[in-house]
Every structure is written in C-alpha cells, then in structure tokens.
C-alpha cells in the first residue's frame, strides 16, 4: 500500500501495487476490492506489459462526487460517483507517461496532480487540463 485517504470517519480508499484500489465504508474495519489484485507476487515478476496495464497507484483523494487515484506511467483513475466506481482516463500531453505521485483536491473538486520532473496537472470537476510548461525557481512570478 502506498496511499490512503478518508473523506470522513467512515468512507476511505487505499491504493498500492498492481493498480490496487480498496474502499471502506466502516472506518477501515473491512475493505472491498475495487480494482487490481489483492495479492501481488514478487515485484520481479511484474513485467512491462503489466505495469502499463495495471500500474501501481500512489495516492487517492475524493471531494464530493469527484475523485482521482494516480500512479506510474501517467496513470489516472477518476470517479464521478463519490468513489463507488473508477474509470481510467488519459492525461493530456507529456504527463501521459510520467509518474504521478500525489493528488490534492479542495471543496468544489478543484485540485492538482503532481509528479516526476515537475509535472503539475490541474483538475476541475472531473476534467483534466493539459499540463502547464515547467517553470524554474529562478523565474520571477507575474
């Protein structure tokens, strides 16, 4: 497991290797498999095809009905029904094959996905925007 998020004291999600996405509705006493495999063999057994098709997930967040789970090779899953179901979506542009390591959402379902090489992708209401060009710390903000 790599990430966990609770929307309230009862509803939460956890993500991990091999595209694992779990959900709890009882404060973590029991967990339901939403996608991936509950058991993963040795990491060395995971080949390129498996990584592309079932990439590891690192973070998950849900705000209202909108949520995102993010991971390797630009993997992004989104929910529009409060985390009951998840669908894989394409990240536009160069971020499509970069590792996405975290997601942050605020009320109103706006947020950002961040990852390798300064990748920052804005999200709003279930929509993913094309990544902005990388900025450098020495540049003066406008």
N, C-alpha and C. Protein backbone atom coordinates (compact mmCIF):
# COMPACT_ATOMS: atom_id res chain seq x y z
N UNK A 1 0.85 -1.18 0.00
CA UNK A 1 0.00 0.00 0.00
C UNK A 1 0.89 1.24 0.00
N UNK A 2 0.47 2.27 -0.77
CA UNK A 2 1.25 3.50 -0.85
C UNK A 2 0.48 4.72 -0.37
N UNK A 3 -0.84 4.71 -0.48
CA UNK A 3 -1.60 5.90 -0.12
C UNK A 3 -2.95 5.54 0.47
N UNK A 4 -3.45 6.44 1.32
CA UNK A 4 -4.76 6.26 1.93
C UNK A 4 -5.42 7.64 2.06
N UNK A 5 -6.73 7.67 1.90
CA UNK A 5 -7.48 8.92 2.02
C UNK A 5 -8.84 8.60 2.62
N UNK A 6 -9.25 9.39 3.61
CA UNK A 6 -10.59 9.27 4.18
C UNK A 6 -11.36 10.56 3.93
N UNK A 7 -12.57 10.43 3.35
CA UNK A 7 -13.43 11.58 3.10
C UNK A 7 -14.15 12.00 4.38
N UNK A 8 -14.37 11.04 5.27
CA UNK A 8 -14.98 11.29 6.58
C UNK A 8 -14.56 10.14 7.49
N UNK A 9 -15.16 10.00 8.64
CA UNK A 9 -14.72 8.97 9.58
C UNK A 9 -15.03 7.54 9.13
N UNK A 10 -15.90 7.38 8.15
CA UNK A 10 -16.30 6.05 7.70
C UNK A 10 -15.79 5.68 6.31
N UNK A 11 -15.86 6.62 5.36
CA UNK A 11 -15.54 6.34 3.96
C UNK A 11 -14.09 6.66 3.64
N UNK A 12 -13.37 5.64 3.12
CA UNK A 12 -11.98 5.84 2.76
C UNK A 12 -11.54 4.92 1.65
N UNK A 13 -10.36 5.22 1.08
CA UNK A 13 -9.78 4.45 -0.01
C UNK A 13 -8.30 4.26 0.27
N UNK A 14 -7.75 3.16 -0.20
CA UNK A 14 -6.32 2.90 -0.12
C UNK A 14 -5.85 2.40 -1.48
N UNK A 15 -4.61 2.76 -1.86
CA UNK A 15 -4.07 2.38 -3.16
C UNK A 15 -2.69 1.78 -3.00
N UNK A 16 -2.27 0.97 -4.01
CA UNK A 16 -0.96 0.33 -3.91
C UNK A 16 -0.51 -0.34 -5.19
N UNK A 17 0.36 -1.33 -5.03
CA UNK A 17 0.96 -2.06 -6.15
C UNK A 17 -0.09 -2.68 -7.05
N UNK A 18 0.28 -2.83 -8.31
CA UNK A 18 -0.53 -3.55 -9.29
C UNK A 18 -1.92 -2.95 -9.45
N UNK A 19 -2.01 -1.62 -9.35
CA UNK A 19 -3.29 -0.96 -9.56
C UNK A 19 -4.31 -1.20 -8.48
N UNK A 20 -3.86 -1.59 -7.29
CA UNK A 20 -4.77 -1.92 -6.21
C UNK A 20 -5.52 -0.69 -5.71
N UNK A 21 -6.83 -0.80 -5.65
CA UNK A 21 -7.70 0.26 -5.13
C UNK A 21 -8.74 -0.39 -4.24
N UNK A 22 -8.71 -0.06 -2.95
CA UNK A 22 -9.62 -0.61 -1.96
C UNK A 22 -10.51 0.49 -1.41
N UNK A 23 -11.70 0.11 -0.94
CA UNK A 23 -12.65 1.07 -0.37
C UNK A 23 -13.19 0.51 0.95
N UNK A 24 -13.36 1.40 1.92
CA UNK A 24 -14.02 1.03 3.17
C UNK A 24 -15.18 1.98 3.40
N UNK A 25 -16.23 1.47 4.00
CA UNK A 25 -17.38 2.29 4.37
C UNK A 25 -17.67 2.16 5.85
N UNK A 26 -16.74 1.51 6.60
CA UNK A 26 -16.93 1.32 8.03
C UNK A 26 -15.69 1.72 8.84
N UNK A 27 -15.03 2.79 8.39
CA UNK A 27 -13.88 3.31 9.12
C UNK A 27 -12.65 2.43 9.07
N UNK A 28 -12.56 1.55 8.09
CA UNK A 28 -11.39 0.71 7.92
C UNK A 28 -11.48 -0.67 8.54
N UNK A 29 -12.63 -1.00 9.12
CA UNK A 29 -12.78 -2.35 9.70
C UNK A 29 -12.78 -3.42 8.62
N UNK A 30 -13.41 -3.12 7.48
CA UNK A 30 -13.41 -4.03 6.33
C UNK A 30 -13.10 -3.21 5.08
N UNK A 31 -12.52 -3.88 4.09
CA UNK A 31 -12.14 -3.23 2.84
C UNK A 31 -12.67 -4.04 1.67
N UNK A 32 -13.17 -3.36 0.63
CA UNK A 32 -13.66 -4.01 -0.57
C UNK A 32 -12.69 -3.69 -1.72
N UNK A 33 -12.37 -4.72 -2.50
CA UNK A 33 -11.51 -4.57 -3.67
C UNK A 33 -12.30 -3.88 -4.77
N UNK A 34 -11.81 -2.74 -5.25
CA UNK A 34 -12.47 -2.05 -6.37
C UNK A 34 -11.76 -2.30 -7.69
N UNK A 35 -10.44 -2.49 -7.64
CA UNK A 35 -9.68 -2.83 -8.85
C UNK A 35 -8.31 -3.33 -8.44
N UNK A 36 -7.62 -3.98 -9.39
CA UNK A 36 -6.30 -4.55 -9.12
C UNK A 36 -6.41 -5.93 -8.50
N UNK A 37 -5.30 -6.37 -7.93
CA UNK A 37 -5.25 -7.68 -7.30
C UNK A 37 -4.93 -7.50 -5.83
N UNK A 38 -5.62 -8.26 -5.00
CA UNK A 38 -5.38 -8.17 -3.55
C UNK A 38 -4.05 -8.78 -3.18
N UNK A 39 -3.56 -9.74 -3.96
CA UNK A 39 -2.28 -10.38 -3.69
C UNK A 39 -1.35 -10.15 -4.88
N UNK A 40 -0.13 -9.70 -4.58
CA UNK A 40 0.86 -9.47 -5.62
C UNK A 40 2.03 -10.40 -5.34
N UNK A 41 2.52 -11.06 -6.39
CA UNK A 41 3.70 -11.92 -6.25
C UNK A 41 4.93 -11.05 -6.05
N UNK A 42 6.08 -11.63 -6.28
CA UNK A 42 7.31 -10.88 -6.14
C UNK A 42 7.34 -9.75 -7.16
N UNK A 43 7.90 -8.62 -6.76
CA UNK A 43 7.96 -7.45 -7.62
C UNK A 43 8.67 -7.77 -8.93
N UNK A 44 9.67 -8.65 -8.89
CA UNK A 44 10.41 -9.01 -10.09
C UNK A 44 9.53 -9.70 -11.12
N UNK A 45 8.40 -10.23 -10.71
CA UNK A 45 7.51 -10.93 -11.63
C UNK A 45 6.65 -9.97 -12.44
N UNK A 46 6.65 -8.71 -12.09
CA UNK A 46 5.83 -7.73 -12.78
C UNK A 46 6.60 -7.22 -13.99
N UNK A 47 6.10 -7.49 -15.19
CA UNK A 47 6.76 -7.09 -16.42
C UNK A 47 6.23 -5.76 -16.94
N UNK A 48 6.81 -5.31 -18.06
CA UNK A 48 6.43 -4.02 -18.66
C UNK A 48 4.95 -3.98 -19.02
N UNK A 49 4.45 -5.05 -19.62
CA UNK A 49 3.04 -5.07 -20.03
C UNK A 49 2.12 -4.93 -18.83
N UNK A 50 2.47 -5.57 -17.73
CA UNK A 50 1.65 -5.48 -16.52
C UNK A 50 1.68 -4.07 -15.95
N UNK A 51 2.87 -3.45 -15.97
CA UNK A 51 2.99 -2.08 -15.45
C UNK A 51 2.14 -1.13 -16.28
N UNK A 52 2.16 -1.28 -17.59
CA UNK A 52 1.38 -0.40 -18.45
C UNK A 52 -0.13 -0.63 -18.24
N UNK A 53 -0.54 -1.86 -18.06
CA UNK A 53 -1.96 -2.17 -17.94
C UNK A 53 -2.50 -2.04 -16.54
N UNK A 54 -1.65 -2.22 -15.55
CA UNK A 54 -2.09 -2.20 -14.16
C UNK A 54 -1.03 -1.52 -13.30
N UNK A 55 -0.73 -0.29 -13.64
CA UNK A 55 0.34 0.46 -12.96
C UNK A 55 0.02 0.65 -11.49
N UNK A 56 1.08 0.70 -10.68
CA UNK A 56 0.91 0.95 -9.25
C UNK A 56 0.30 2.33 -9.03
N UNK A 57 -0.51 2.43 -8.00
CA UNK A 57 -1.15 3.70 -7.64
C UNK A 57 -0.51 4.21 -6.34
N UNK A 58 -0.28 5.52 -6.26
CA UNK A 58 0.42 6.11 -5.12
C UNK A 58 -0.43 6.99 -4.22
N UNK A 59 -1.48 7.58 -4.77
CA UNK A 59 -2.29 8.50 -3.97
C UNK A 59 -3.73 8.48 -4.48
N UNK A 60 -4.65 8.84 -3.59
CA UNK A 60 -6.06 8.90 -3.92
C UNK A 60 -6.69 10.02 -3.10
N UNK A 61 -7.65 10.72 -3.69
CA UNK A 61 -8.39 11.77 -2.97
C UNK A 61 -9.79 11.87 -3.58
N UNK A 62 -10.77 12.14 -2.74
CA UNK A 62 -12.16 12.29 -3.18
C UNK A 62 -12.74 13.52 -2.49
N UNK A 63 -13.38 14.39 -3.27
CA UNK A 63 -14.08 15.57 -2.74
C UNK A 63 -15.48 15.57 -3.33
N UNK A 64 -16.47 15.32 -2.49
CA UNK A 64 -17.84 15.21 -3.00
C UNK A 64 -17.95 14.00 -3.89
N UNK A 65 -18.45 14.19 -5.11
CA UNK A 65 -18.60 13.09 -6.06
C UNK A 65 -17.36 12.85 -6.92
N UNK A 66 -16.41 13.79 -6.92
CA UNK A 66 -15.25 13.74 -7.81
C UNK A 66 -14.03 13.22 -7.05
N UNK A 67 -13.26 12.34 -7.69
CA UNK A 67 -12.05 11.84 -7.07
C UNK A 67 -11.05 11.37 -8.09
N UNK A 68 -9.80 11.24 -7.65
CA UNK A 68 -8.70 10.80 -8.51
C UNK A 68 -7.82 9.83 -7.76
N UNK A 69 -7.32 8.81 -8.47
CA UNK A 69 -6.28 7.92 -7.97
C UNK A 69 -5.17 7.99 -9.01
N UNK A 70 -3.92 8.18 -8.57
CA UNK A 70 -2.82 8.44 -9.50
C UNK A 70 -1.65 7.51 -9.27
N UNK A 71 -0.83 7.30 -10.35
CA UNK A 71 0.30 6.40 -10.20
C UNK A 71 1.29 6.42 -11.33
N UNK A 72 1.95 5.26 -11.52
CA UNK A 72 3.01 5.10 -12.52
C UNK A 72 2.53 5.42 -13.92
N UNK A 73 3.48 5.70 -14.78
CA UNK A 73 3.31 5.95 -16.21
C UNK A 73 2.06 6.78 -16.54
N UNK A 74 1.85 7.85 -15.78
CA UNK A 74 0.75 8.75 -16.04
C UNK A 74 -0.62 8.18 -15.77
N UNK A 75 -0.69 7.14 -14.95
CA UNK A 75 -1.97 6.50 -14.67
C UNK A 75 -2.85 7.40 -13.80
N UNK A 76 -4.06 7.64 -14.29
CA UNK A 76 -5.05 8.40 -13.52
C UNK A 76 -6.40 7.70 -13.66
N UNK A 77 -7.01 7.43 -12.51
CA UNK A 77 -8.38 6.94 -12.47
C UNK A 77 -9.22 8.05 -11.87
N UNK A 78 -10.43 8.20 -12.36
CA UNK A 78 -11.33 9.21 -11.83
C UNK A 78 -12.67 8.59 -11.47
N UNK A 79 -13.33 9.20 -10.51
CA UNK A 79 -14.68 8.81 -10.12
C UNK A 79 -15.56 10.04 -10.18
N UNK A 80 -16.79 9.86 -10.60
CA UNK A 80 -17.77 10.95 -10.58
C UNK A 80 -18.98 10.57 -9.74
N UNK A 81 -18.85 9.43 -9.01
CA UNK A 81 -19.96 8.98 -8.16
C UNK A 81 -19.51 8.76 -6.72
N UNK A 82 -18.59 9.61 -6.26
CA UNK A 82 -18.15 9.56 -4.88
C UNK A 82 -17.30 8.36 -4.53
N UNK A 83 -16.63 7.77 -5.52
CA UNK A 83 -15.73 6.66 -5.27
C UNK A 83 -16.36 5.29 -5.35
N UNK A 84 -17.62 5.21 -5.80
CA UNK A 84 -18.26 3.90 -5.96
C UNK A 84 -17.66 3.14 -7.14
N UNK A 85 -17.36 3.85 -8.24
CA UNK A 85 -16.74 3.24 -9.41
C UNK A 85 -15.62 4.17 -9.91
N UNK A 86 -14.65 3.59 -10.61
CA UNK A 86 -13.49 4.31 -11.12
C UNK A 86 -13.25 3.97 -12.58
N UNK A 87 -12.85 4.98 -13.38
CA UNK A 87 -12.53 4.79 -14.79
C UNK A 87 -11.15 5.39 -15.06
N UNK A 88 -10.37 4.67 -15.88
CA UNK A 88 -9.06 5.19 -16.26
C UNK A 88 -9.25 6.27 -17.30
N UNK A 89 -8.50 7.37 -17.15
CA UNK A 89 -8.56 8.48 -18.11
C UNK A 89 -7.15 8.81 -18.58
N UNK A 90 -7.05 9.39 -19.76
CA UNK A 90 -5.78 9.81 -20.32
C UNK A 90 -5.40 11.19 -19.80
N UNK A 91 -4.14 11.33 -19.45
CA UNK A 91 -3.62 12.64 -19.09
C UNK A 91 -3.09 13.26 -20.37
N UNK A 92 -3.50 14.49 -20.69
CA UNK A 92 -3.04 15.09 -21.94
C UNK A 92 -1.56 15.44 -21.91
N UNK A 93 -0.98 15.49 -23.09
CA UNK A 93 0.39 15.98 -23.24
C UNK A 93 1.46 15.05 -22.71
N UNK A 94 2.61 15.65 -22.37
CA UNK A 94 3.79 14.89 -21.96
C UNK A 94 3.62 14.17 -20.63
N UNK A 95 2.69 14.58 -19.80
CA UNK A 95 2.50 13.94 -18.49
C UNK A 95 1.94 12.54 -18.63
N UNK A 96 1.52 12.17 -19.83
CA UNK A 96 0.89 10.87 -20.04
C UNK A 96 1.77 9.70 -19.63
N UNK A 97 3.10 9.82 -19.74
CA UNK A 97 3.97 8.71 -19.36
C UNK A 97 4.86 9.01 -18.16
N UNK A 98 4.61 10.10 -17.46
CA UNK A 98 5.39 10.42 -16.27
C UNK A 98 4.68 9.88 -15.03
N UNK A 99 5.47 9.54 -14.04
CA UNK A 99 4.89 9.07 -12.79
C UNK A 99 4.16 10.21 -12.12
N UNK A 100 2.95 9.96 -11.68
CA UNK A 100 2.18 10.95 -10.92
C UNK A 100 2.12 10.43 -9.50
N UNK A 101 2.61 11.22 -8.56
CA UNK A 101 2.82 10.73 -7.19
C UNK A 101 1.79 11.20 -6.17
N UNK A 102 1.09 12.31 -6.44
CA UNK A 102 0.16 12.78 -5.42
C UNK A 102 -0.96 13.58 -6.06
N UNK A 103 -2.04 13.72 -5.32
CA UNK A 103 -3.19 14.48 -5.75
C UNK A 103 -3.72 15.25 -4.55
N UNK A 104 -4.12 16.48 -4.79
CA UNK A 104 -4.73 17.30 -3.74
C UNK A 104 -5.98 17.94 -4.30
N UNK A 105 -7.10 17.80 -3.58
CA UNK A 105 -8.37 18.38 -4.00
C UNK A 105 -8.88 19.29 -2.90
N UNK A 106 -9.62 20.32 -3.30
CA UNK A 106 -10.28 21.20 -2.34
C UNK A 106 -11.77 21.13 -2.61
N UNK A 107 -12.55 21.64 -1.68
CA UNK A 107 -14.00 21.63 -1.90
C UNK A 107 -14.30 22.31 -3.23
N UNK A 108 -15.27 21.81 -3.92
CA UNK A 108 -15.56 22.32 -5.25
C UNK A 108 -14.86 21.50 -6.31
N UNK A 109 -14.11 20.48 -5.89
CA UNK A 109 -13.46 19.50 -6.75
C UNK A 109 -12.37 20.07 -7.65
N UNK A 110 -11.75 21.15 -7.26
CA UNK A 110 -10.59 21.66 -7.98
C UNK A 110 -9.34 21.16 -7.28
N UNK A 111 -8.29 20.91 -8.06
CA UNK A 111 -7.07 20.44 -7.44
C UNK A 111 -5.93 20.33 -8.42
N UNK A 112 -4.92 19.54 -8.00
CA UNK A 112 -3.73 19.38 -8.81
C UNK A 112 -3.16 17.98 -8.61
N UNK A 113 -2.62 17.44 -9.70
CA UNK A 113 -1.90 16.18 -9.69
C UNK A 113 -0.43 16.53 -9.89
N UNK A 114 0.47 15.96 -9.10
CA UNK A 114 1.89 16.29 -9.23
C UNK A 114 2.72 15.03 -9.35
N UNK A 115 3.90 15.17 -10.01
CA UNK A 115 4.74 14.00 -10.18
C UNK A 115 6.13 14.31 -10.69
N UNK A 116 6.69 13.35 -11.39
CA UNK A 116 8.08 13.37 -11.85
C UNK A 116 8.38 14.58 -12.73
N UNK A 117 9.60 15.06 -12.61
CA UNK A 117 10.13 16.13 -13.46
C UNK A 117 9.28 17.40 -13.40
N UNK A 118 8.72 17.71 -12.25
CA UNK A 118 7.94 18.93 -12.09
C UNK A 118 6.57 18.89 -12.71
N UNK A 119 6.07 17.72 -13.01
CA UNK A 119 4.74 17.60 -13.61
C UNK A 119 3.69 18.15 -12.65
N UNK A 120 2.85 19.04 -13.15
CA UNK A 120 1.73 19.58 -12.38
C UNK A 120 0.54 19.69 -13.32
N UNK A 121 -0.51 18.96 -13.02
CA UNK A 121 -1.69 18.91 -13.88
C UNK A 121 -2.89 19.38 -13.07
N UNK A 122 -3.55 20.41 -13.55
CA UNK A 122 -4.74 20.93 -12.86
C UNK A 122 -5.96 20.07 -13.20
N UNK A 123 -6.83 19.92 -12.20
CA UNK A 123 -8.08 19.20 -12.40
C UNK A 123 -9.21 20.05 -11.85
N UNK A 124 -10.38 19.91 -12.48
CA UNK A 124 -11.55 20.66 -12.03
C UNK A 124 -12.81 19.91 -12.45
N UNK A 125 -13.61 19.55 -11.48
CA UNK A 125 -14.90 18.93 -11.76
C UNK A 125 -14.82 17.67 -12.59
N UNK A 126 -13.77 16.88 -12.41
CA UNK A 126 -13.63 15.64 -13.16
C UNK A 126 -12.89 15.79 -14.47
N UNK A 127 -12.51 17.01 -14.83
CA UNK A 127 -11.78 17.25 -16.08
C UNK A 127 -10.30 17.46 -15.79
N UNK A 128 -9.45 16.93 -16.67
CA UNK A 128 -8.01 17.06 -16.53
C UNK A 128 -7.51 18.02 -17.59
N UNK A 129 -6.80 19.06 -17.16
CA UNK A 129 -6.26 20.05 -18.09
C UNK A 129 -4.88 19.61 -18.56
N UNK A 130 -4.46 20.11 -19.71
CA UNK A 130 -3.11 19.84 -20.19
C UNK A 130 -2.11 20.44 -19.21
N UNK A 131 -1.00 19.76 -18.96
CA UNK A 131 -0.01 20.27 -18.01
C UNK A 131 0.56 21.60 -18.49
N UNK A 132 0.85 22.46 -17.52
CA UNK A 132 1.49 23.73 -17.84
C UNK A 132 2.96 23.48 -18.06
N UNK A 133 3.60 24.37 -18.80
CA UNK A 133 5.04 24.23 -19.03
C UNK A 133 5.74 24.36 -17.70
N UNK A 134 6.85 23.60 -17.57
CA UNK A 134 7.62 23.63 -16.33
C UNK A 134 8.17 25.03 -16.10
N UNK A 135 8.10 25.48 -14.87
CA UNK A 135 8.69 26.77 -14.51
C UNK A 135 9.94 26.52 -13.70
N UNK A 136 10.81 27.49 -13.69
CA UNK A 136 12.06 27.38 -12.94
C UNK A 136 12.01 28.30 -11.75
N UNK A 137 12.61 27.88 -10.65
CA UNK A 137 12.58 28.65 -9.41
C UNK A 137 13.18 30.03 -9.57
N UNK A 138 14.11 30.20 -10.53
CA UNK A 138 14.76 31.50 -10.70
C UNK A 138 13.90 32.49 -11.47
N UNK A 139 12.81 32.02 -12.08
CA UNK A 139 11.94 32.93 -12.81
C UNK A 139 11.12 33.77 -11.87
N UNK A 140 10.86 34.98 -12.25
CA UNK A 140 10.06 35.90 -11.43
C UNK A 140 8.59 35.66 -11.75
N UNK A 141 7.77 35.41 -10.71
CA UNK A 141 6.33 35.21 -10.96
C UNK A 141 5.67 36.50 -11.42
N UNK A 142 4.68 36.37 -12.27
CA UNK A 142 3.95 37.55 -12.79
C UNK A 142 2.72 37.81 -11.99
